[in-house]
Amino acid sequence: MKTPLFLLTLALAAPALAHDGPHSAPAPMQVGRSTEKIVLPDIAVTDQTGKVQGIVSRYADGAPVIVSFLYTNCTEVCLMTQATLSVVDEELAGQKADPLKILSITVDPARDTPEVLAKAAADIAASPRWHWLRANAAETPVLLSAFGIDAGPIETHENVYFVGDMASGEFIRVTGDADPDALIALARAVQ
């Protein structure tokens, strides 16, 4: 098992820890009733390896993606998101041909440089299918807005996932404390 047990324990204990802002307790998982058409601008994003490419053109092969939003200094919601996605990543580990990609987009590009994102990915043993992305500071609010996410203070970002594909722009919004198996099942339905 590649996800350190302490990460999962920390994620479960996160509400009891001191925090960085006004997060609320995670809500139960809720899946959108239908797909949303999201028109994303092809904003350049840099991944944890330093590769720069437009987010749409990079992932426009029609393969399913699970998109999440986080920042590395977050001590509550983001740890839960990372723990959930770590389980997804682990469950897909034995399925080498699976085209599903996990995209974690930082809401704090000023601090989350590619090096910081690479360290965060390495700390939880993220596989190569898990891309940690950063747009520049000016375009991050545009990207968040395209997903219908408030670009307000980073501490108030939502616990939300989008499951779909960049080619069609069709996504299912999942909010709350997501079940990893449900995320994988939704992504499989996209294929």
C-alpha atoms as a PDB file:
ATOM      1  CA  MET A   1       0.000   0.000   0.000  1.00  0.00           C
ATOM      2  CA  LYS A   2       1.651   3.215  -1.098  1.00  0.00           C
ATOM      3  CA  THR A   3      -0.488   5.768   0.765  1.00  0.00           C
ATOM      4  CA  PRO A   4       1.094   6.274   4.142  1.00  0.00           C
ATOM      5  CA  LEU A   5      -1.280   5.310   6.908  1.00  0.00           C
ATOM      6  CA  PHE A   6      -0.473   8.554   8.696  1.00  0.00           C
ATOM      7  CA  LEU A   7      -1.938  10.539   5.768  1.00  0.00           C
ATOM      8  CA  LEU A   8      -5.262   8.744   5.999  1.00  0.00           C
ATOM      9  CA  THR A   9      -5.236   9.061   9.797  1.00  0.00           C
ATOM     10  CA  LEU A  10      -4.384  12.741   9.507  1.00  0.00           C
ATOM     11  CA  ALA A  11      -7.183  13.304   7.011  1.00  0.00           C
ATOM     12  CA  LEU A  12      -9.713  11.682   9.312  1.00  0.00           C
ATOM     13  CA  ALA A  13      -8.444  13.678  12.276  1.00  0.00           C
ATOM     14  CA  ALA A  14      -8.181  16.944  10.330  1.00  0.00           C
ATOM     15  CA  PRO A  15     -11.310  18.579  11.767  1.00  0.00           C
ATOM     16  CA  ALA A  16      -9.777  18.334  15.232  1.00  0.00           C
ATOM     17  CA  LEU A  17      -6.527  20.000  14.154  1.00  0.00           C
ATOM     18  CA  ALA A  18      -5.760  23.684  14.161  1.00  0.00           C
ATOM     19  CA  HIS A  19      -6.590  25.042  10.749  1.00  0.00           C
ATOM     20  CA  ASP A  20      -5.647  27.733   8.329  1.00  0.00           C
ATOM     21  CA  GLY A  21      -9.008  29.329   7.811  1.00  0.00           C
ATOM     22  CA  PRO A  22     -12.771  29.093   8.080  1.00  0.00           C
ATOM     23  CA  HIS A  23     -13.332  25.590   6.662  1.00  0.00           C
ATOM     24  CA  SER A  24     -16.532  23.858   7.586  1.00  0.00           C
ATOM     25  CA  ALA A  25     -16.897  20.162   8.331  1.00  0.00           C
ATOM     26  CA  PRO A  26     -17.048  18.013   5.192  1.00  0.00           C
ATOM     27  CA  ALA A  27     -20.502  17.344   3.882  1.00  0.00           C
ATOM     28  CA  PRO A  28     -21.649  13.916   2.731  1.00  0.00           C
ATOM     29  CA  MET A  29     -20.889  13.114  -0.900  1.00  0.00           C
ATOM     30  CA  GLN A  30     -23.373  14.525  -3.399  1.00  0.00           C
ATOM     31  CA  VAL A  31     -23.267  13.781  -7.121  1.00  0.00           C
ATOM     32  CA  GLY A  32     -24.748  16.196  -9.629  1.00  0.00           C
ATOM     33  CA  ARG A  33     -27.943  14.996 -11.249  1.00  0.00           C
ATOM     34  CA  SER A  34     -26.644  15.492 -14.764  1.00  0.00           C
ATOM     35  CA  THR A  35     -23.509  16.386 -16.606  1.00  0.00           C
ATOM     36  CA  GLU A  36     -22.442  19.996 -16.853  1.00  0.00           C
ATOM     37  CA  LYS A  37     -21.009  21.434 -20.031  1.00  0.00           C
ATOM     38  CA  ILE A  38     -17.914  23.348 -18.980  1.00  0.00           C
ATOM     39  CA  VAL A  39     -16.190  25.527 -21.534  1.00  0.00           C
ATOM     40  CA  LEU A  40     -12.628  25.748 -20.339  1.00  0.00           C
ATOM     41  CA  PRO A  41     -10.135  28.212 -21.741  1.00  0.00           C
ATOM     42  CA  ASP A  42      -6.905  26.493 -22.797  1.00  0.00           C
ATOM     43  CA  ILE A  43      -4.963  28.148 -19.983  1.00  0.00           C
ATOM     44  CA  ALA A  44      -1.333  27.120 -19.690  1.00  0.00           C
ATOM     45  CA  VAL A  45      -0.706  24.980 -16.635  1.00  0.00           C
ATOM     46  CA  THR A  46       2.586  23.734 -15.265  1.00  0.00           C
ATOM     47  CA  ASP A  47       2.717  20.270 -13.744  1.00  0.00           C
ATOM     48  CA  GLN A  48       4.904  19.012 -10.926  1.00  0.00           C
ATOM     49  CA  THR A  49       7.632  18.044 -13.426  1.00  0.00           C
ATOM     50  CA  GLY A  50       7.769  21.543 -14.932  1.00  0.00           C
ATOM     51  CA  LYS A  51       5.962  20.632 -18.171  1.00  0.00           C
ATOM     52  CA  VAL A  52       3.838  23.543 -19.444  1.00  0.00           C
ATOM     53  CA  GLN A  53       0.865  23.073 -21.766  1.00  0.00           C
ATOM     54  CA  GLY A  54      -2.711  24.275 -22.170  1.00  0.00           C
ATOM     55  CA  ILE A  55      -5.020  22.390 -19.842  1.00  0.00           C
ATOM     56  CA  VAL A  56      -7.551  21.548 -22.547  1.00  0.00           C
ATOM     57  CA  SER A  57      -5.058  20.611 -25.257  1.00  0.00           C
ATOM     58  CA  ARG A  58      -3.016  18.521 -22.825  1.00  0.00           C
ATOM     59  CA  TYR A  59      -6.007  16.400 -21.779  1.00  0.00           C
ATOM     60  CA  ALA A  60      -8.158  16.552 -24.930  1.00  0.00           C
ATOM     61  CA  ASP A  61      -7.637  12.882 -25.817  1.00  0.00           C
ATOM     62  CA  GLY A  62     -11.078  12.013 -24.458  1.00  0.00           C
ATOM     63  CA  ALA A  63      -9.692  10.006 -21.542  1.00  0.00           C
ATOM     64  CA  PRO A  64     -11.539  10.487 -18.272  1.00  0.00           C
ATOM     65  CA  VAL A  65     -10.187  12.852 -15.648  1.00  0.00           C
ATOM     66  CA  ILE A  66     -10.961  13.491 -12.016  1.00  0.00           C
ATOM     67  CA  VAL A  67     -10.285  17.165 -11.289  1.00  0.00           C
ATOM     68  CA  SER A  68      -9.850  18.517  -7.767  1.00  0.00           C
ATOM     69  CA  PHE A  69      -8.680  21.784  -6.242  1.00  0.00           C
ATOM     70  CA  LEU A  70      -6.277  22.159  -3.339  1.00  0.00           C
ATOM     71  CA  TYR A  71      -3.291  23.982  -1.996  1.00  0.00           C
ATOM     72  CA  THR A  72      -0.309  22.494  -0.216  1.00  0.00           C
ATOM     73  CA  ASN A  73      -0.520  24.647   2.943  1.00  0.00           C
ATOM     74  CA  CYS A  74      -4.106  23.578   3.595  1.00  0.00           C
ATOM     75  CA  THR A  75      -4.462  21.498   6.741  1.00  0.00           C
ATOM     76  CA  GLU A  76      -8.067  20.323   6.501  1.00  0.00           C
ATOM     77  CA  VAL A  77     -10.146  19.862   3.371  1.00  0.00           C
ATOM     78  CA  CYS A  78      -7.124  19.397   1.096  1.00  0.00           C
ATOM     79  CA  LEU A  79      -5.760  16.566   3.221  1.00  0.00           C
ATOM     80  CA  MET A  80      -9.094  14.797   2.897  1.00  0.00           C
ATOM     81  CA  THR A  81      -9.055  15.399  -0.863  1.00  0.00           C
ATOM     82  CA  GLN A  82      -5.504  14.050  -1.100  1.00  0.00           C
ATOM     83  CA  ALA A  83      -6.421  10.987   0.962  1.00  0.00           C
ATOM     84  CA  THR A  84      -9.441  10.273  -1.257  1.00  0.00           C
ATOM     85  CA  LEU A  85      -7.425  10.674  -4.438  1.00  0.00           C
ATOM     86  CA  SER A  86      -4.599   8.559  -2.998  1.00  0.00           C
ATOM     87  CA  VAL A  87      -7.060   5.692  -2.627  1.00  0.00           C
ATOM     88  CA  VAL A  88      -8.239   6.242  -6.219  1.00  0.00           C
ATOM     89  CA  ASP A  89      -4.610   6.275  -7.369  1.00  0.00           C
ATOM     90  CA  GLU A  90      -3.850   3.065  -5.454  1.00  0.00           C
ATOM     91  CA  GLU A  91      -6.889   1.241  -6.770  1.00  0.00           C
ATOM     92  CA  LEU A  92      -5.845   2.072 -10.334  1.00  0.00           C
ATOM     93  CA  ALA A  93      -2.200   1.097  -9.762  1.00  0.00           C
ATOM     94  CA  GLY A  94      -2.619  -2.475 -10.999  1.00  0.00           C
ATOM     95  CA  GLN A  95      -4.472  -1.329 -14.114  1.00  0.00           C
ATOM     96  CA  LYS A  96      -1.592   0.048 -16.167  1.00  0.00           C
ATOM     97  CA  ALA A  97      -3.638   0.508 -19.346  1.00  0.00           C
ATOM     98  CA  ASP A  98      -6.294   2.554 -17.585  1.00  0.00           C
ATOM     99  CA  PRO A  99      -6.321   6.016 -19.200  1.00  0.00           C
ATOM    100  CA  LEU A 100      -7.881   7.780 -16.181  1.00  0.00           C
ATOM    101  CA  LYS A 101      -5.887  10.764 -14.975  1.00  0.00           C
ATOM    102  CA  ILE A 102      -6.156  12.604 -11.685  1.00  0.00           C
ATOM    103  CA  LEU A 103      -5.694  16.378 -11.870  1.00  0.00           C
ATOM    104  CA  SER A 104      -5.142  18.423  -8.731  1.00  0.00           C
ATOM    105  CA  ILE A 105      -5.143  22.135  -9.480  1.00  0.00           C
ATOM    106  CA  THR A 106      -3.731  24.499  -6.883  1.00  0.00           C
ATOM    107  CA  VAL A 107      -5.736  27.516  -5.795  1.00  0.00           C
ATOM    108  CA  ASP A 108      -2.522  29.054  -4.416  1.00  0.00           C
ATOM    109  CA  PRO A 109      -0.140  29.508  -7.356  1.00  0.00           C
ATOM    110  CA  ALA A 110       1.977  32.050  -5.486  1.00  0.00           C
ATOM    111  CA  ARG A 111       3.225  29.435  -3.022  1.00  0.00           C
ATOM    112  CA  ASP A 112       2.588  26.203  -4.930  1.00  0.00           C
ATOM    113  CA  THR A 113       5.456  26.238  -7.386  1.00  0.00           C
ATOM    114  CA  PRO A 114       6.166  23.129  -9.484  1.00  0.00           C
ATOM    115  CA  GLU A 115       8.840  22.177  -6.935  1.00  0.00           C
ATOM    116  CA  VAL A 116       6.384  22.448  -4.036  1.00  0.00           C
ATOM    117  CA  LEU A 117       3.799  20.439  -5.965  1.00  0.00           C
ATOM    118  CA  ALA A 118       6.430  17.796  -6.812  1.00  0.00           C
ATOM    119  CA  LYS A 119       7.298  17.459  -3.128  1.00  0.00           C
ATOM    120  CA  ALA A 120       3.627  17.136  -2.168  1.00  0.00           C
ATOM    121  CA  ALA A 121       3.143  14.465  -4.849  1.00  0.00           C
ATOM    122  CA  ALA A 122       6.254  12.597  -3.706  1.00  0.00           C
ATOM    123  CA  ASP A 123       5.215  12.819  -0.047  1.00  0.00           C
ATOM    124  CA  ILE A 124       2.099  10.764  -0.787  1.00  0.00           C
ATOM    125  CA  ALA A 125       3.741   8.589  -3.466  1.00  0.00           C
ATOM    126  CA  ALA A 126       1.438   9.833  -6.231  1.00  0.00           C
ATOM    127  CA  SER A 127       1.723   7.808  -9.421  1.00  0.00           C
ATOM    128  CA  PRO A 128       2.489   9.346 -12.830  1.00  0.00           C
ATOM    129  CA  ARG A 129      -1.265   9.327 -13.596  1.00  0.00           C
ATOM    130  CA  TRP A 130      -1.745  12.014 -10.908  1.00  0.00           C
ATOM    131  CA  HIS A 131      -0.897  15.457 -12.261  1.00  0.00           C
ATOM    132  CA  TRP A 132      -0.433  18.355  -9.844  1.00  0.00           C
ATOM    133  CA  LEU A 133      -1.111  21.539 -11.812  1.00  0.00           C
ATOM    134  CA  ARG A 134      -0.562  25.245 -11.423  1.00  0.00           C
ATOM    135  CA  ALA A 135      -1.805  28.108 -13.594  1.00  0.00           C
ATOM    136  CA  ASN A 136      -0.200  31.502 -13.146  1.00  0.00           C
ATOM    137  CA  ALA A 137      -1.628  33.884 -10.540  1.00  0.00           C
ATOM    138  CA  ALA A 138      -3.557  35.964 -13.083  1.00  0.00           C
ATOM    139  CA  GLU A 139      -5.198  32.983 -14.782  1.00  0.00           C
ATOM    140  CA  THR A 140      -6.010  30.856 -11.733  1.00  0.00           C
ATOM    141  CA  PRO A 141      -9.228  32.826 -11.002  1.00  0.00           C
ATOM    142  CA  VAL A 142     -10.240  32.463 -14.671  1.00  0.00           C
ATOM    143  CA  LEU A 143      -9.744  28.694 -14.502  1.00  0.00           C
ATOM    144  CA  LEU A 144     -11.639  28.420 -11.224  1.00  0.00           C
ATOM    145  CA  SER A 145     -14.459  30.550 -12.602  1.00  0.00           C
ATOM    146  CA  ALA A 146     -14.751  28.291 -15.670  1.00  0.00           C
ATOM    147  CA  PHE A 147     -15.416  25.397 -13.293  1.00  0.00           C
ATOM    148  CA  GLY A 148     -17.965  27.544 -11.451  1.00  0.00           C
ATOM    149  CA  ILE A 149     -15.775  27.867  -8.375  1.00  0.00           C
ATOM    150  CA  ASP A 150     -15.460  31.082  -6.395  1.00  0.00           C
ATOM    151  CA  ALA A 151     -11.920  32.421  -6.605  1.00  0.00           C
ATOM    152  CA  GLY A 152     -12.296  34.079  -3.209  1.00  0.00           C
ATOM    153  CA  PRO A 153      -9.911  33.509  -0.317  1.00  0.00           C
ATOM    154  CA  ILE A 154      -8.091  30.202  -0.734  1.00  0.00           C
ATOM    155  CA  GLU A 155      -9.144  29.116   2.746  1.00  0.00           C
ATOM    156  CA  THR A 156     -12.772  28.984   1.624  1.00  0.00           C
ATOM    157  CA  HIS A 157     -12.308  26.815  -1.455  1.00  0.00           C
ATOM    158  CA  GLU A 158     -14.869  24.074  -1.944  1.00  0.00           C
ATOM    159  CA  ASN A 159     -14.410  20.353  -1.481  1.00  0.00           C
ATOM    160  CA  VAL A 160     -15.424  19.506  -5.038  1.00  0.00           C
ATOM    161  CA  TYR A 161     -14.416  17.076  -7.757  1.00  0.00           C
ATOM    162  CA  PHE A 162     -15.268  17.126 -11.439  1.00  0.00           C
ATOM    163  CA  VAL A 163     -15.365  13.810 -13.281  1.00  0.00           C
ATOM    164  CA  GLY A 164     -15.488  13.911 -17.060  1.00  0.00           C
ATOM    165  CA  ASP A 165     -13.302  14.601 -20.043  1.00  0.00           C
ATOM    166  CA  MET A 166     -11.693  17.685 -21.507  1.00  0.00           C
ATOM    167  CA  ALA A 167     -12.521  16.794 -25.118  1.00  0.00           C
ATOM    168  CA  SER A 168     -16.282  17.063 -24.659  1.00  0.00           C
ATOM    169  CA  GLY A 169     -16.231  19.419 -21.679  1.00  0.00           C
ATOM    170  CA  GLU A 170     -18.895  17.226 -20.052  1.00  0.00           C
ATOM    171  CA  PHE A 171     -18.366  16.846 -16.312  1.00  0.00           C
ATOM    172  CA  ILE A 172     -20.240  15.533 -13.319  1.00  0.00           C
ATOM    173  CA  ARG A 173     -19.807  17.646 -10.189  1.00  0.00           C
ATOM    174  CA  VAL A 174     -19.204  15.726  -6.966  1.00  0.00           C
ATOM    175  CA  THR A 175     -19.217  17.654  -3.703  1.00  0.00           C
ATOM    176  CA  GLY A 176     -18.526  16.704  -0.145  1.00  0.00           C
ATOM    177  CA  ASP A 177     -16.622  13.769   1.292  1.00  0.00           C
ATOM    178  CA  ALA A 178     -16.275  11.691  -1.882  1.00  0.00           C
ATOM    179  CA  ASP A 179     -16.108   7.909  -1.978  1.00  0.00           C
ATOM    180  CA  PRO A 180     -13.063   6.802  -4.046  1.00  0.00           C
ATOM    181  CA  ASP A 181     -14.937   3.844  -5.575  1.00  0.00           C
ATOM    182  CA  ALA A 182     -17.781   6.138  -6.641  1.00  0.00           C
ATOM    183  CA  LEU A 183     -15.312   8.516  -8.299  1.00  0.00           C
ATOM    184  CA  ILE A 184     -13.749   5.626 -10.225  1.00  0.00           C
ATOM    185  CA  ALA A 185     -17.190   4.323 -11.263  1.00  0.00           C
ATOM    186  CA  LEU A 186     -18.183   7.773 -12.534  1.00  0.00           C
ATOM    187  CA  ALA A 187     -14.905   8.043 -14.475  1.00  0.00           C
ATOM    188  CA  ARG A 188     -15.453   4.572 -16.009  1.00  0.00           C
ATOM    189  CA  ALA A 189     -18.868   5.717 -17.206  1.00  0.00           C
ATOM    190  CA  VAL A 190     -17.136   8.499 -19.174  1.00  0.00           C
ATOM    191  CA  GLN A 191     -15.033   6.008 -21.183  1.00  0.00           C
END
